[in-house]
Amino acid sequence: MRLLLSVFVCVYAGSLFGSVRHFALAEGSRDAKMVYSLAGVSFGFLGATLVLLSQPWRLESFMRRLVGLLVCFYIGFFVGAWVQKLAGMSGTSLAQMIIGSLAFQGAGLILISRFLREQKVSWSDGFGFANNWRQAATLGLVVAMIFLPIGWGLQQASALVMTHVPHFPMEPEEQPAVQALRAASAWAPRLALGLVAIFLAPVTEELLFRGIFYPLVKQAGFPRLALWGTSFIFAAIHLNAVTFVPLMTLALVLTLLYERTDNLLAPMTTHAAFNALNFVTLWVTQR
């Protein structure tokens, strides 16, 4: 729970930073002093929340620590919401996407490293990286190439269903990352987004969803909930209706692949190769 809450706080802080950056770059910005002051207050309380979450929790001080945590979190959250309202929406620019990725995947990777140190577990022991790693990586690459056309087909089917829902037709929208990539004209920002999508995101997301949350729920006695619940959340956090079904299917495949190999490197390789193939395909079609 401490790890999950810490990741959420980092994601929210990244969103807040993106809004403040958007406000600072906007022409004719008004109420700058108020926005920056409130942002400082929010960042301060969110930082205090992370400090409280990083410290060991003991039974004798549990209630005092919990009250302090809730006070810091809610003050930081609501003041941050006020700042974002004053600053306006920051859209789906490339810079915003990179900030969001660093706040989620980048911070998540650091928090997972700290989590393993607290549990006194090595990366190899925690995620099976030493278990037939060549076979796991090869199998992951093969699964990615097999699933790629299936994922495209599921996405096309989802878009077709969305546009033909009786009385409630919906217009499919591209993922924010795809929109940002299309808008980027220089090679440097495209390279930055590609590195995040191909290397950082697959590693952190697999560590969180398949490496930590899935076995946690499974070992608690809920194997089906672990499989379907973590897959559902994985698809939902991408916040895109047309890719929900293919991403949930991908998450189910990644989980079963982890069970089959007992090595998290297998789903990591599949995830990274799937993102890389999609990235290259989008870049080529744009050219």
Protein backbone atom coordinates (compact mmCIF):
# COMPACT_ATOMS: atom_id res chain seq x y z
CA MET A 1 0.00 0.00 0.00
CA ARG A 2 2.85 2.40 0.77
CA LEU A 3 4.38 1.68 -2.64
CA LEU A 4 1.04 2.15 -4.43
CA LEU A 5 0.28 5.42 -2.66
CA SER A 6 3.80 6.71 -3.31
CA VAL A 7 3.42 6.05 -7.04
CA PHE A 8 0.05 7.84 -7.05
CA VAL A 9 1.52 10.88 -5.28
CA CYS A 10 4.37 11.05 -7.82
CA VAL A 11 1.93 10.83 -10.73
CA TYR A 12 -0.17 13.64 -9.27
CA ALA A 13 2.91 15.76 -8.62
CA GLY A 14 3.95 15.26 -12.25
CA SER A 15 0.54 16.39 -13.45
CA LEU A 16 0.77 19.45 -11.20
CA PHE A 17 4.25 20.28 -12.50
CA GLY A 18 2.99 20.02 -16.08
CA SER A 19 0.16 22.46 -15.33
CA VAL A 20 2.52 24.96 -13.71
CA ARG A 21 4.89 24.67 -16.66
CA HIS A 22 2.01 25.28 -19.06
CA PHE A 23 0.99 28.35 -17.03
CA ALA A 24 4.54 29.70 -17.04
CA LEU A 25 4.87 29.35 -20.82
CA ALA A 26 1.47 30.88 -21.59
CA GLU A 27 1.48 34.44 -22.84
CA GLY A 28 -0.23 37.03 -20.68
CA SER A 29 -0.22 34.84 -17.57
CA ARG A 30 -2.08 36.39 -14.69
CA ASP A 31 -2.17 35.63 -10.96
CA ALA A 32 1.37 34.26 -11.31
CA LYS A 33 2.31 34.97 -7.70
CA MET A 34 -0.73 33.14 -6.38
CA VAL A 35 -0.24 30.16 -8.70
CA TYR A 36 3.44 29.73 -7.83
CA SER A 37 2.82 30.18 -4.11
CA LEU A 38 0.02 27.63 -4.06
CA ALA A 39 2.08 25.25 -6.17
CA GLY A 40 4.91 25.52 -3.65
CA VAL A 41 2.49 24.70 -0.82
CA SER A 42 1.12 21.70 -2.72
CA PHE A 43 4.57 20.35 -3.61
CA GLY A 44 5.65 20.80 0.01
CA PHE A 45 2.76 18.75 1.42
CA LEU A 46 3.06 16.12 -1.31
CA GLY A 47 6.76 15.83 -0.48
CA ALA A 48 5.89 15.43 3.21
CA THR A 49 3.46 12.67 2.20
CA LEU A 50 6.24 10.82 0.39
CA VAL A 51 8.54 11.19 3.41
CA LEU A 52 5.89 9.72 5.73
CA LEU A 53 5.28 6.85 3.31
CA SER A 54 8.99 6.10 3.04
CA GLN A 55 9.45 5.58 6.78
CA PRO A 56 8.73 2.25 8.51
CA TRP A 57 5.29 2.08 10.13
CA ARG A 58 5.04 0.61 13.64
CA LEU A 59 1.90 -0.37 15.50
CA GLU A 60 2.48 1.97 18.46
CA SER A 61 2.67 5.03 16.22
CA PHE A 62 0.28 3.89 13.51
CA MET A 63 -2.64 6.25 14.22
CA ARG A 64 -0.42 9.31 14.65
CA ARG A 65 1.40 8.53 11.41
CA LEU A 66 -1.88 7.87 9.58
CA VAL A 67 -3.42 11.19 10.67
CA GLY A 68 -0.30 13.08 9.61
CA LEU A 69 -0.27 11.26 6.29
CA LEU A 70 -3.92 12.05 5.54
CA VAL A 71 -3.53 15.72 6.47
CA CYS A 72 -0.46 16.17 4.26
CA PHE A 73 -1.96 14.24 1.37
CA TYR A 74 -5.33 16.01 1.28
CA ILE A 75 -3.85 19.48 1.69
CA GLY A 76 -1.38 18.79 -1.13
CA PHE A 77 -4.10 17.23 -3.28
CA PHE A 78 -6.74 19.94 -2.96
CA VAL A 79 -4.30 22.85 -3.16
CA GLY A 80 -2.82 21.19 -6.24
CA ALA A 81 -6.29 20.87 -7.77
CA TRP A 82 -6.80 24.60 -7.16
CA VAL A 83 -3.49 25.34 -8.88
CA GLN A 84 -4.43 23.24 -11.90
CA LYS A 85 -7.75 25.04 -12.17
CA LEU A 86 -6.01 28.43 -12.13
CA ALA A 87 -3.31 27.28 -14.54
CA GLY A 88 -5.67 25.70 -17.04
CA MET A 89 -5.35 22.43 -18.90
CA SER A 90 -1.91 21.60 -20.26
CA GLY A 91 -3.16 19.39 -23.10
CA THR A 92 -1.30 16.40 -24.52
CA SER A 93 1.94 18.00 -25.67
CA LEU A 94 5.10 15.97 -26.01
CA ALA A 95 6.66 17.70 -23.02
CA GLN A 96 3.61 16.87 -20.92
CA MET A 97 3.80 13.22 -22.00
CA ILE A 98 7.48 13.00 -21.02
CA ILE A 99 6.82 14.69 -17.66
CA GLY A 100 3.95 12.30 -16.99
CA SER A 101 6.08 9.29 -17.93
CA LEU A 102 8.93 10.35 -15.68
CA ALA A 103 6.48 10.98 -12.83
CA PHE A 104 4.92 7.53 -13.23
CA GLN A 105 7.45 5.12 -14.71
CA GLY A 106 10.59 6.98 -13.63
CA ALA A 107 9.49 7.54 -10.05
CA GLY A 108 7.96 4.06 -9.95
CA LEU A 109 11.29 2.47 -10.83
CA ILE A 110 13.01 4.36 -8.00
CA LEU A 111 10.26 3.44 -5.53
CA ILE A 112 10.41 -0.24 -6.52
CA SER A 113 14.18 -0.24 -5.96
CA ARG A 114 13.64 1.16 -2.48
CA PHE A 115 10.85 -1.36 -1.87
CA LEU A 116 13.18 -4.26 -2.68
CA ARG A 117 15.87 -2.89 -0.35
CA GLU A 118 13.32 -2.66 2.47
CA GLN A 119 12.25 -6.26 1.87
CA LYS A 120 15.90 -7.33 1.57
CA VAL A 121 15.15 -9.04 -1.75
CA SER A 122 17.40 -8.93 -4.80
CA TRP A 123 16.08 -8.17 -8.30
CA SER A 124 16.93 -11.69 -9.40
CA ASP A 125 15.22 -13.37 -6.46
CA GLY A 126 12.20 -11.05 -6.58
CA PHE A 127 11.45 -11.37 -10.29
CA GLY A 128 13.29 -14.51 -11.42
CA PHE A 129 15.66 -12.74 -13.80
CA ALA A 130 18.18 -15.61 -13.54
CA ASN A 131 15.68 -18.32 -14.55
CA ASN A 132 16.59 -19.33 -18.13
CA TRP A 133 16.85 -15.70 -19.15
CA ARG A 134 17.81 -16.42 -22.77
CA GLN A 135 14.77 -18.64 -23.27
CA ALA A 136 12.54 -16.12 -21.50
CA ALA A 137 13.76 -13.21 -23.66
CA THR A 138 13.40 -15.23 -26.88
CA LEU A 139 9.91 -16.40 -25.99
CA GLY A 140 8.93 -12.85 -25.09
CA LEU A 141 10.07 -11.58 -28.49
CA VAL A 142 8.17 -14.33 -30.33
CA VAL A 143 4.98 -13.63 -28.37
CA ALA A 144 5.24 -9.92 -29.22
CA MET A 145 5.45 -10.61 -32.95
CA ILE A 146 2.51 -13.02 -32.76
CA PHE A 147 0.35 -10.67 -30.70
CA LEU A 148 1.02 -7.53 -32.75
CA PRO A 149 -1.48 -8.27 -35.58
CA ILE A 150 -3.95 -9.61 -33.00
CA GLY A 151 -3.71 -6.34 -31.08
CA TRP A 152 -4.23 -4.31 -34.24
CA GLY A 153 -7.27 -6.41 -35.11
CA LEU A 154 -8.77 -5.98 -31.65
CA GLN A 155 -8.22 -2.22 -31.87
CA GLN A 156 -9.93 -2.03 -35.25
CA ALA A 157 -12.83 -4.11 -33.93
CA SER A 158 -13.14 -1.85 -30.86
CA ALA A 159 -13.22 1.25 -33.05
CA LEU A 160 -15.87 -0.32 -35.28
CA VAL A 161 -18.06 -1.23 -32.30
CA MET A 162 -17.66 2.22 -30.74
CA THR A 163 -18.82 4.01 -33.90
CA HIS A 164 -21.88 1.75 -34.28
CA VAL A 165 -23.24 1.69 -30.73
CA PRO A 166 -27.01 2.27 -31.07
CA HIS A 167 -28.07 5.74 -29.88
CA PHE A 168 -24.64 6.34 -28.27
CA PRO A 169 -22.02 6.32 -31.03
CA MET A 170 -18.53 7.35 -29.91
CA GLU A 171 -15.68 8.71 -31.97
CA PRO A 172 -12.48 6.73 -31.35
CA GLU A 173 -9.53 8.84 -30.21
CA GLU A 174 -5.84 8.13 -30.44
CA GLN A 175 -3.81 7.70 -27.28
CA PRO A 176 -2.24 10.94 -25.98
CA ALA A 177 1.24 9.52 -26.66
CA VAL A 178 0.33 8.89 -30.30
CA GLN A 179 -1.12 12.39 -30.64
CA ALA A 180 2.04 13.88 -29.14
CA LEU A 181 4.24 11.84 -31.47
CA ARG A 182 2.28 13.01 -34.52
CA ALA A 183 2.60 16.62 -33.39
CA ALA A 184 6.37 16.40 -32.84
CA SER A 185 8.36 17.52 -35.86
CA ALA A 186 11.96 17.32 -34.58
CA TRP A 187 13.82 14.03 -34.16
CA ALA A 188 15.02 14.76 -30.59
CA PRO A 189 11.58 14.83 -28.91
CA ARG A 190 10.51 11.79 -30.92
CA LEU A 191 13.62 9.95 -29.75
CA ALA A 192 12.88 10.90 -26.14
CA LEU A 193 9.31 9.62 -26.39
CA GLY A 194 10.52 6.46 -28.11
CA LEU A 195 13.02 5.73 -25.34
CA VAL A 196 10.29 6.16 -22.73
CA ALA A 197 7.81 3.96 -24.61
CA ILE A 198 10.26 1.19 -25.50
CA PHE A 199 12.50 0.99 -22.43
CA LEU A 200 11.22 2.85 -19.39
CA ALA A 201 7.47 2.14 -19.55
CA PRO A 202 7.65 -1.64 -20.16
CA VAL A 203 10.18 -2.17 -17.36
CA THR A 204 8.34 -0.19 -14.70
CA GLU A 205 4.82 -1.31 -15.65
CA GLU A 206 5.82 -4.98 -15.67
CA LEU A 207 7.56 -4.62 -12.32
CA LEU A 208 4.47 -3.02 -10.80
CA PHE A 209 1.64 -5.02 -12.35
CA ARG A 210 3.10 -8.46 -13.04
CA GLY A 211 6.04 -8.41 -10.61
CA ILE A 212 4.42 -6.99 -7.46
CA PHE A 213 0.63 -6.51 -7.60
CA TYR A 214 -0.23 -9.77 -9.37
CA PRO A 215 1.64 -12.13 -7.00
CA LEU A 216 0.49 -10.07 -4.01
CA VAL A 217 -3.20 -10.58 -4.79
CA LYS A 218 -2.62 -14.19 -5.90
CA GLN A 219 -0.79 -15.13 -2.70
CA ALA A 220 -3.60 -13.56 -0.69
CA GLY A 221 -5.83 -16.33 -2.06
CA PHE A 222 -7.45 -14.65 -5.08
CA PRO A 223 -5.73 -16.01 -8.22
CA ARG A 224 -8.58 -15.11 -10.62
CA LEU A 225 -8.90 -11.61 -9.20
CA ALA A 226 -5.13 -11.24 -9.52
CA LEU A 227 -5.23 -12.21 -13.20
CA TRP A 228 -8.28 -10.24 -14.29
CA GLY A 229 -8.04 -7.37 -11.81
CA THR A 230 -4.46 -6.37 -12.56
CA SER A 231 -5.10 -6.76 -16.30
CA PHE A 232 -8.18 -4.52 -16.07
CA ILE A 233 -6.29 -1.82 -14.16
CA PHE A 234 -3.36 -2.02 -16.57
CA ALA A 235 -5.67 -1.35 -19.52
CA ALA A 236 -7.66 1.33 -17.66
CA ILE A 237 -4.68 3.50 -16.69
CA HIS A 238 -3.97 4.16 -20.37
CA LEU A 239 -7.23 6.16 -20.46
CA ASN A 240 -8.25 5.24 -23.99
CA ALA A 241 -11.47 3.42 -24.86
CA VAL A 242 -10.43 2.09 -28.25
CA THR A 243 -7.26 0.45 -26.87
CA PHE A 244 -8.84 -0.94 -23.70
CA VAL A 245 -9.70 -4.39 -25.08
CA PRO A 246 -6.36 -4.99 -26.87
CA LEU A 247 -4.39 -3.75 -23.85
CA MET A 248 -6.36 -5.91 -21.43
CA THR A 249 -5.82 -8.90 -23.71
CA LEU A 250 -2.12 -8.06 -23.84
CA ALA A 251 -2.03 -7.86 -20.03
CA LEU A 252 -3.61 -11.32 -19.75
CA VAL A 253 -1.02 -12.70 -22.17
CA LEU A 254 1.83 -11.05 -20.24
CA THR A 255 0.60 -12.49 -16.95
CA LEU A 256 0.28 -16.01 -18.36
CA LEU A 257 3.72 -15.63 -19.92
CA TYR A 258 5.16 -14.73 -16.51
CA GLU A 259 3.49 -17.80 -15.00
CA ARG A 260 4.88 -19.99 -17.78
CA THR A 261 8.49 -18.80 -17.54
CA ASP A 262 8.73 -17.66 -13.88
CA ASN A 263 10.90 -14.85 -15.21
CA LEU A 264 9.64 -11.28 -15.47
CA LEU A 265 12.09 -10.71 -18.32
CA ALA A 266 9.69 -12.57 -20.64
CA PRO A 267 6.72 -10.17 -20.28
CA MET A 268 9.14 -7.23 -20.21
CA THR A 269 10.56 -8.29 -23.57
CA THR A 270 7.08 -8.80 -25.04
CA HIS A 271 5.91 -5.41 -23.76
CA ALA A 272 9.01 -3.59 -25.00
CA ALA A 273 8.95 -5.29 -28.43
CA PHE A 274 5.21 -4.61 -28.81
CA ASN A 275 5.73 -0.91 -28.05
CA ALA A 276 8.77 -0.76 -30.35
CA LEU A 277 6.93 -2.33 -33.28
CA ASN A 278 4.01 0.04 -32.83
CA PHE A 279 6.37 3.01 -32.54
CA VAL A 280 8.27 2.09 -35.71
CA THR A 281 5.04 1.43 -37.61
CA LEU A 282 3.62 4.82 -36.64
CA TRP A 283 6.88 6.57 -37.57
CA VAL A 284 7.04 4.85 -40.96
CA THR A 285 3.40 5.56 -41.81
CA GLN A 286 3.91 9.22 -40.91
CA ARG A 287 6.91 9.39 -43.22
